[in-house]
C-alpha atoms as a PDB file:
ATOM      1  CA  MET A   1       0.000   0.000   0.000  1.00  0.00           C
ATOM      2  CA  LEU A   2       2.809   2.349   0.932  1.00  0.00           C
ATOM      3  CA  PHE A   3       4.589   1.457  -2.320  1.00  0.00           C
ATOM      4  CA  LYS A   4       1.476   2.373  -4.365  1.00  0.00           C
ATOM      5  CA  LYS A   5       1.166   5.696  -2.568  1.00  0.00           C
ATOM      6  CA  ARG A   6       4.792   6.474  -3.398  1.00  0.00           C
ATOM      7  CA  ILE A   7       4.187   5.680  -7.066  1.00  0.00           C
ATOM      8  CA  TRP A   8       1.167   7.992  -7.167  1.00  0.00           C
ATOM      9  CA  PHE A   9       3.185  10.717  -5.453  1.00  0.00           C
ATOM     10  CA  VAL A  10       5.983  10.395  -8.029  1.00  0.00           C
ATOM     11  CA  LEU A  11       3.445  10.512 -10.893  1.00  0.00           C
ATOM     12  CA  ILE A  12       1.721  13.617  -9.506  1.00  0.00           C
ATOM     13  CA  VAL A  13       5.030  15.409  -8.962  1.00  0.00           C
ATOM     14  CA  GLY A  14       6.106  14.448 -12.476  1.00  0.00           C
ATOM     15  CA  LEU A  15       2.913  15.842 -13.989  1.00  0.00           C
ATOM     16  CA  PHE A  16       3.323  19.051 -12.007  1.00  0.00           C
ATOM     17  CA  LEU A  17       6.915  19.536 -13.130  1.00  0.00           C
ATOM     18  CA  ASN A  18       5.860  18.754 -16.681  1.00  0.00           C
ATOM     19  CA  SER A  19       3.185  21.453 -16.630  1.00  0.00           C
ATOM     20  CA  VAL A  20       5.616  23.989 -15.178  1.00  0.00           C
ATOM     21  CA  ALA A  21       8.205  23.156 -17.827  1.00  0.00           C
ATOM     22  CA  SER A  22       5.638  23.483 -20.612  1.00  0.00           C
ATOM     23  CA  ALA A  23       4.574  26.949 -19.489  1.00  0.00           C
ATOM     24  CA  SER A  24       6.201  29.613 -21.679  1.00  0.00           C
ATOM     25  CA  THR A  25       6.925  33.172 -20.596  1.00  0.00           C
ATOM     26  CA  LEU A  26       6.454  36.331 -22.626  1.00  0.00           C
ATOM     27  CA  LEU A  27       8.505  39.220 -21.229  1.00  0.00           C
ATOM     28  CA  VAL A  28       7.436  42.781 -22.067  1.00  0.00           C
ATOM     29  CA  MET A  29      10.270  45.309 -21.814  1.00  0.00           C
ATOM     30  CA  GLY A  30       8.833  48.766 -22.262  1.00  0.00           C
ATOM     31  CA  ASP A  31       8.397  52.269 -20.918  1.00  0.00           C
ATOM     32  CA  SER A  32       5.281  54.203 -19.863  1.00  0.00           C
ATOM     33  CA  LEU A  33       3.538  53.241 -23.114  1.00  0.00           C
ATOM     34  CA  SER A  34       3.489  49.662 -21.866  1.00  0.00           C
ATOM     35  CA  ALA A  35       3.220  50.437 -18.143  1.00  0.00           C
ATOM     36  CA  ALA A  36      -0.377  51.746 -18.256  1.00  0.00           C
ATOM     37  CA  HIS A  37       0.745  55.311 -17.527  1.00  0.00           C
ATOM     38  CA  ASN A  38      -1.781  57.319 -15.500  1.00  0.00           C
ATOM     39  CA  MET A  39      -4.428  54.573 -15.479  1.00  0.00           C
ATOM     40  CA  ARG A  40      -5.313  51.317 -13.778  1.00  0.00           C
ATOM     41  CA  PRO A  41      -2.795  48.593 -14.755  1.00  0.00           C
ATOM     42  CA  GLU A  42      -5.599  46.296 -15.917  1.00  0.00           C
ATOM     43  CA  ALA A  43      -6.657  48.918 -18.505  1.00  0.00           C
ATOM     44  CA  GLY A  44      -3.271  48.921 -20.250  1.00  0.00           C
ATOM     45  CA  TRP A  45      -2.629  47.053 -23.469  1.00  0.00           C
ATOM     46  CA  VAL A  46      -0.317  44.526 -21.790  1.00  0.00           C
ATOM     47  CA  SER A  47      -3.047  43.450 -19.382  1.00  0.00           C
ATOM     48  CA  LEU A  48      -5.498  43.304 -22.280  1.00  0.00           C
ATOM     49  CA  LEU A  49      -2.990  41.117 -24.109  1.00  0.00           C
ATOM     50  CA  GLU A  50      -2.685  38.863 -21.081  1.00  0.00           C
ATOM     51  CA  ASN A  51      -6.469  38.436 -21.015  1.00  0.00           C
ATOM     52  CA  GLN A  52      -6.524  37.598 -24.705  1.00  0.00           C
ATOM     53  CA  LEU A  53      -3.687  35.098 -24.456  1.00  0.00           C
ATOM     54  CA  SER A  54      -5.393  33.360 -21.543  1.00  0.00           C
ATOM     55  CA  GLU A  55      -8.046  32.326 -24.069  1.00  0.00           C
ATOM     56  CA  THR A  56      -6.020  31.796 -27.231  1.00  0.00           C
ATOM     57  CA  HIS A  57      -2.666  30.663 -25.766  1.00  0.00           C
ATOM     58  CA  PRO A  58      -3.330  29.485 -22.181  1.00  0.00           C
ATOM     59  CA  GLY A  59       0.210  28.116 -21.865  1.00  0.00           C
ATOM     60  CA  VAL A  60       1.741  31.588 -22.160  1.00  0.00           C
ATOM     61  CA  SER A  61       2.537  33.564 -19.017  1.00  0.00           C
ATOM     62  CA  VAL A  62       3.022  37.332 -19.385  1.00  0.00           C
ATOM     63  CA  VAL A  63       5.555  39.270 -17.313  1.00  0.00           C
ATOM     64  CA  ASN A  64       5.333  43.044 -17.701  1.00  0.00           C
ATOM     65  CA  ALA A  65       8.712  44.539 -16.778  1.00  0.00           C
ATOM     66  CA  SER A  66       7.859  47.957 -18.236  1.00  0.00           C
ATOM     67  CA  VAL A  67       8.788  51.061 -16.237  1.00  0.00           C
ATOM     68  CA  SER A  68       7.552  54.609 -16.817  1.00  0.00           C
ATOM     69  CA  GLY A  69      10.375  56.875 -17.944  1.00  0.00           C
ATOM     70  CA  GLU A  70      12.584  53.957 -18.938  1.00  0.00           C
ATOM     71  CA  THR A  71      15.325  54.497 -21.512  1.00  0.00           C
ATOM     72  CA  THR A  72      17.150  51.864 -23.523  1.00  0.00           C
ATOM     73  CA  GLN A  73      20.115  52.268 -21.186  1.00  0.00           C
ATOM     74  CA  GLY A  74      17.945  51.613 -18.139  1.00  0.00           C
ATOM     75  CA  GLY A  75      16.291  48.659 -19.834  1.00  0.00           C
ATOM     76  CA  LEU A  76      19.645  47.197 -20.787  1.00  0.00           C
ATOM     77  CA  ALA A  77      20.865  47.506 -17.189  1.00  0.00           C
ATOM     78  CA  ARG A  78      17.896  45.424 -15.977  1.00  0.00           C
ATOM     79  CA  PHE A  79      17.632  43.030 -18.871  1.00  0.00           C
ATOM     80  CA  GLU A  80      20.123  40.301 -18.047  1.00  0.00           C
ATOM     81  CA  LYS A  81      18.673  39.770 -14.584  1.00  0.00           C
ATOM     82  CA  LEU A  82      15.142  39.584 -15.995  1.00  0.00           C
ATOM     83  CA  LEU A  83      16.215  37.030 -18.589  1.00  0.00           C
ATOM     84  CA  ALA A  84      17.826  34.883 -15.911  1.00  0.00           C
ATOM     85  CA  GLU A  85      14.847  35.179 -13.574  1.00  0.00           C
ATOM     86  CA  HIS A  86      12.022  34.565 -16.035  1.00  0.00           C
ATOM     87  CA  GLN A  87      13.745  32.652 -18.862  1.00  0.00           C
ATOM     88  CA  PRO A  88      11.282  34.014 -21.435  1.00  0.00           C
ATOM     89  CA  ARG A  89      10.560  32.271 -24.692  1.00  0.00           C
ATOM     90  CA  TRP A  90       9.539  35.581 -26.270  1.00  0.00           C
ATOM     91  CA  VAL A  91      10.407  39.228 -25.587  1.00  0.00           C
ATOM     92  CA  ILE A  92       8.410  42.260 -26.675  1.00  0.00           C
ATOM     93  CA  LEU A  93      10.940  45.089 -26.816  1.00  0.00           C
ATOM     94  CA  GLU A  94       9.270  48.505 -26.661  1.00  0.00           C
ATOM     95  CA  LEU A  95      11.911  51.048 -25.718  1.00  0.00           C
ATOM     96  CA  GLY A  96      13.543  54.134 -27.205  1.00  0.00           C
ATOM     97  CA  ALA A  97      10.896  56.844 -27.084  1.00  0.00           C
ATOM     98  CA  ASN A  98      12.332  58.385 -23.914  1.00  0.00           C
ATOM     99  CA  ASP A  99      15.801  58.367 -25.463  1.00  0.00           C
ATOM    100  CA  ALA A 100      14.466  60.433 -28.363  1.00  0.00           C
ATOM    101  CA  LEU A 101      12.399  62.786 -26.198  1.00  0.00           C
ATOM    102  CA  ARG A 102      15.577  63.540 -24.215  1.00  0.00           C
ATOM    103  CA  GLY A 103      17.586  64.059 -27.385  1.00  0.00           C
ATOM    104  CA  TYR A 104      19.976  61.170 -26.795  1.00  0.00           C
ATOM    105  CA  PRO A 105      22.257  60.182 -29.691  1.00  0.00           C
ATOM    106  CA  LEU A 106      20.421  57.693 -31.894  1.00  0.00           C
ATOM    107  CA  GLN A 107      23.561  55.589 -32.267  1.00  0.00           C
ATOM    108  CA  GLN A 108      23.489  54.995 -28.518  1.00  0.00           C
ATOM    109  CA  THR A 109      19.818  53.982 -28.657  1.00  0.00           C
ATOM    110  CA  THR A 110      20.530  51.673 -31.578  1.00  0.00           C
ATOM    111  CA  GLU A 111      23.440  49.965 -29.841  1.00  0.00           C
ATOM    112  CA  ASN A 112      21.465  49.483 -26.623  1.00  0.00           C
ATOM    113  CA  LEU A 113      18.573  47.876 -28.509  1.00  0.00           C
ATOM    114  CA  LYS A 114      20.945  45.649 -30.467  1.00  0.00           C
ATOM    115  CA  THR A 115      22.661  44.506 -27.287  1.00  0.00           C
ATOM    116  CA  MET A 116      19.327  43.604 -25.713  1.00  0.00           C
ATOM    117  CA  ILE A 117      18.309  41.684 -28.828  1.00  0.00           C
ATOM    118  CA  GLU A 118      21.590  39.776 -28.826  1.00  0.00           C
ATOM    119  CA  LYS A 119      21.219  38.931 -25.140  1.00  0.00           C
ATOM    120  CA  ALA A 120      17.670  37.717 -25.783  1.00  0.00           C
ATOM    121  CA  HIS A 121      18.865  35.535 -28.656  1.00  0.00           C
ATOM    122  CA  GLN A 122      21.671  34.142 -26.509  1.00  0.00           C
ATOM    123  CA  SER A 123      19.019  33.020 -24.030  1.00  0.00           C
ATOM    124  CA  GLU A 124      17.037  31.500 -26.945  1.00  0.00           C
ATOM    125  CA  ALA A 125      14.186  34.023 -26.708  1.00  0.00           C
ATOM    126  CA  LYS A 126      12.508  35.379 -29.835  1.00  0.00           C
ATOM    127  CA  VAL A 127      12.054  39.150 -30.063  1.00  0.00           C
ATOM    128  CA  LEU A 128       9.167  41.287 -31.280  1.00  0.00           C
ATOM    129  CA  LEU A 129      10.529  44.796 -31.815  1.00  0.00           C
ATOM    130  CA  VAL A 130       7.998  47.599 -31.348  1.00  0.00           C
ATOM    131  CA  GLY A 131       8.697  50.843 -33.176  1.00  0.00           C
ATOM    132  CA  ASN A 132       7.586  54.334 -32.307  1.00  0.00           C
ATOM    133  CA  GLN A 133       7.572  57.940 -33.482  1.00  0.00           C
ATOM    134  CA  ILE A 134       8.109  61.268 -31.757  1.00  0.00           C
ATOM    135  CA  PRO A 135       6.529  64.689 -32.471  1.00  0.00           C
ATOM    136  CA  GLN A 136       7.855  66.583 -35.490  1.00  0.00           C
ATOM    137  CA  ASN A 137       8.937  69.536 -33.338  1.00  0.00           C
ATOM    138  CA  TYR A 138      12.094  67.570 -32.491  1.00  0.00           C
ATOM    139  CA  GLY A 139      13.264  68.237 -36.012  1.00  0.00           C
ATOM    140  CA  LYS A 140      12.393  66.425 -39.237  1.00  0.00           C
ATOM    141  CA  ARG A 141      15.779  64.785 -39.710  1.00  0.00           C
ATOM    142  CA  TYR A 142      16.000  63.488 -36.134  1.00  0.00           C
ATOM    143  CA  THR A 143      12.398  62.223 -36.047  1.00  0.00           C
ATOM    144  CA  GLU A 144      12.780  60.422 -39.388  1.00  0.00           C
ATOM    145  CA  MET A 145      16.046  58.811 -38.345  1.00  0.00           C
ATOM    146  CA  PHE A 146      14.493  57.724 -35.066  1.00  0.00           C
ATOM    147  CA  PHE A 147      11.543  56.107 -36.828  1.00  0.00           C
ATOM    148  CA  LYS A 148      13.792  54.310 -39.334  1.00  0.00           C
ATOM    149  CA  LEU A 149      16.199  52.890 -36.752  1.00  0.00           C
ATOM    150  CA  TYR A 150      13.628  50.275 -35.686  1.00  0.00           C
ATOM    151  CA  LYS A 151      13.163  48.954 -39.212  1.00  0.00           C
ATOM    152  CA  ASN A 152      16.906  48.906 -39.764  1.00  0.00           C
ATOM    153  CA  ILE A 153      17.395  46.833 -36.627  1.00  0.00           C
ATOM    154  CA  ALA A 154      14.474  44.545 -37.484  1.00  0.00           C
ATOM    155  CA  ASP A 155      15.935  43.947 -40.946  1.00  0.00           C
ATOM    156  CA  GLU A 156      19.426  43.305 -39.596  1.00  0.00           C
ATOM    157  CA  TYR A 157      18.258  40.712 -37.069  1.00  0.00           C
ATOM    158  CA  GLN A 158      15.268  39.463 -39.104  1.00  0.00           C
ATOM    159  CA  LEU A 159      12.856  40.261 -36.280  1.00  0.00           C
ATOM    160  CA  ALA A 160       9.103  40.380 -36.039  1.00  0.00           C
ATOM    161  CA  TYR A 161       8.422  44.115 -36.081  1.00  0.00           C
ATOM    162  CA  VAL A 162       5.633  46.601 -35.331  1.00  0.00           C
ATOM    163  CA  PRO A 163       6.397  49.833 -37.245  1.00  0.00           C
ATOM    164  CA  PHE A 164       4.329  52.162 -35.030  1.00  0.00           C
ATOM    165  CA  MET A 165       2.466  50.985 -31.943  1.00  0.00           C
ATOM    166  CA  LEU A 166       0.289  54.136 -31.816  1.00  0.00           C
ATOM    167  CA  GLU A 167      -0.960  53.869 -35.402  1.00  0.00           C
ATOM    168  CA  GLY A 168      -4.526  55.217 -35.526  1.00  0.00           C
ATOM    169  CA  VAL A 169      -4.210  56.517 -31.965  1.00  0.00           C
ATOM    170  CA  ALA A 170      -1.528  59.202 -31.750  1.00  0.00           C
ATOM    171  CA  LEU A 171      -3.357  61.870 -33.794  1.00  0.00           C
ATOM    172  CA  ASN A 172      -6.788  61.203 -32.313  1.00  0.00           C
ATOM    173  CA  LYS A 173      -7.358  63.433 -29.288  1.00  0.00           C
ATOM    174  CA  ASN A 174     -10.222  61.217 -28.169  1.00  0.00           C
ATOM    175  CA  LEU A 175      -7.789  58.343 -27.758  1.00  0.00           C
ATOM    176  CA  MET A 176      -4.907  60.227 -26.152  1.00  0.00           C
ATOM    177  CA  GLN A 177      -4.287  61.572 -22.679  1.00  0.00           C
ATOM    178  CA  ALA A 178      -3.946  65.314 -22.119  1.00  0.00           C
ATOM    179  CA  ASP A 179      -0.149  65.140 -22.456  1.00  0.00           C
ATOM    180  CA  GLY A 180      -0.516  64.125 -26.100  1.00  0.00           C
ATOM    181  CA  LEU A 181       2.028  61.330 -25.651  1.00  0.00           C
ATOM    182  CA  HIS A 182       0.158  58.476 -23.987  1.00  0.00           C
ATOM    183  CA  PRO A 183      -2.987  56.637 -25.116  1.00  0.00           C
ATOM    184  CA  ASN A 184      -5.949  56.834 -22.777  1.00  0.00           C
ATOM    185  CA  GLN A 185      -8.065  53.870 -21.765  1.00  0.00           C
ATOM    186  CA  ASP A 186     -10.038  53.982 -25.018  1.00  0.00           C
ATOM    187  CA  GLY A 187      -6.829  53.936 -27.039  1.00  0.00           C
ATOM    188  CA  GLN A 188      -5.321  50.877 -25.332  1.00  0.00           C
ATOM    189  CA  PRO A 189      -7.354  48.238 -27.254  1.00  0.00           C
ATOM    190  CA  ILE A 190      -6.237  49.814 -30.543  1.00  0.00           C
ATOM    191  CA  VAL A 191      -2.605  49.674 -29.420  1.00  0.00           C
ATOM    192  CA  LEU A 192      -3.144  45.979 -28.759  1.00  0.00           C
ATOM    193  CA  GLN A 193      -4.690  45.556 -32.211  1.00  0.00           C
ATOM    194  CA  ASN A 194      -1.557  47.098 -33.712  1.00  0.00           C
ATOM    195  CA  ILE A 195       0.735  44.703 -31.841  1.00  0.00           C
ATOM    196  CA  TYR A 196      -1.176  41.440 -31.540  1.00  0.00           C
ATOM    197  CA  PRO A 197      -1.109  40.224 -35.190  1.00  0.00           C
ATOM    198  CA  HIS A 198       2.693  40.391 -35.211  1.00  0.00           C
ATOM    199  CA  LEU A 199       2.905  38.596 -31.873  1.00  0.00           C
ATOM    200  CA  LYS A 200       0.358  36.005 -32.981  1.00  0.00           C
ATOM    201  CA  SER A 201       2.512  35.149 -35.998  1.00  0.00           C
ATOM    202  CA  LEU A 202       5.571  34.844 -33.753  1.00  0.00           C
ATOM    203  CA  LEU A 203       3.722  32.522 -31.366  1.00  0.00           C
ATOM    204  CA  ALA A 204       2.311  30.451 -34.221  1.00  0.00           C
ATOM    205  CA  GLY A 205       5.747  29.978 -35.721  1.00  0.00           C
ATOM    206  CA  ASP A 206       7.186  28.757 -32.438  1.00  0.00           C
ATOM    207  CA  ARG A 207       4.941  25.810 -31.655  1.00  0.00           C
ATOM    208  CA  ASP A 208       6.677  22.628 -30.661  1.00  0.00           C
END
């Protein structure tokens, strides 16, 4: 009888460890645009994504490591520890807007993003790169170069890529907060719509 109980215990533990091992983590590395700035966390696009994935991809666990005000340098400083802690299978990389708003050299932003991508690849995580734009008052040349750097990186590393996460949102005052930089609660589902098809393709192409 005791022997049978031990066998059942071993089987149950084995099933538990199996389920834990099969769970896959999606790590979101972003700034205030992904950190539900000035609203309830559950209203942000990352939480909406988590709700959607719970239905379509129940084996995926979402970790939102986004921090308001984060730069690529700050993200890079935290990234290795997050990779080690969560061992993500996928990374959504949404950083760089704060670099541009502070006028940081674009070469520095580019190198920081590349380093994060390389670290993700070294840990066998696939990356979805999320692009952004900044207001034209920062100068046409700078704003165009900033927008293009994401595509250049995506092409170089052959990444899944979202050209502009605020497409259809940024110029609509009804969907933006008073600061003109962050989507409001009504804009968050559209942000998700801009990102999800690219993520869905990445998830679909990574099935065992």
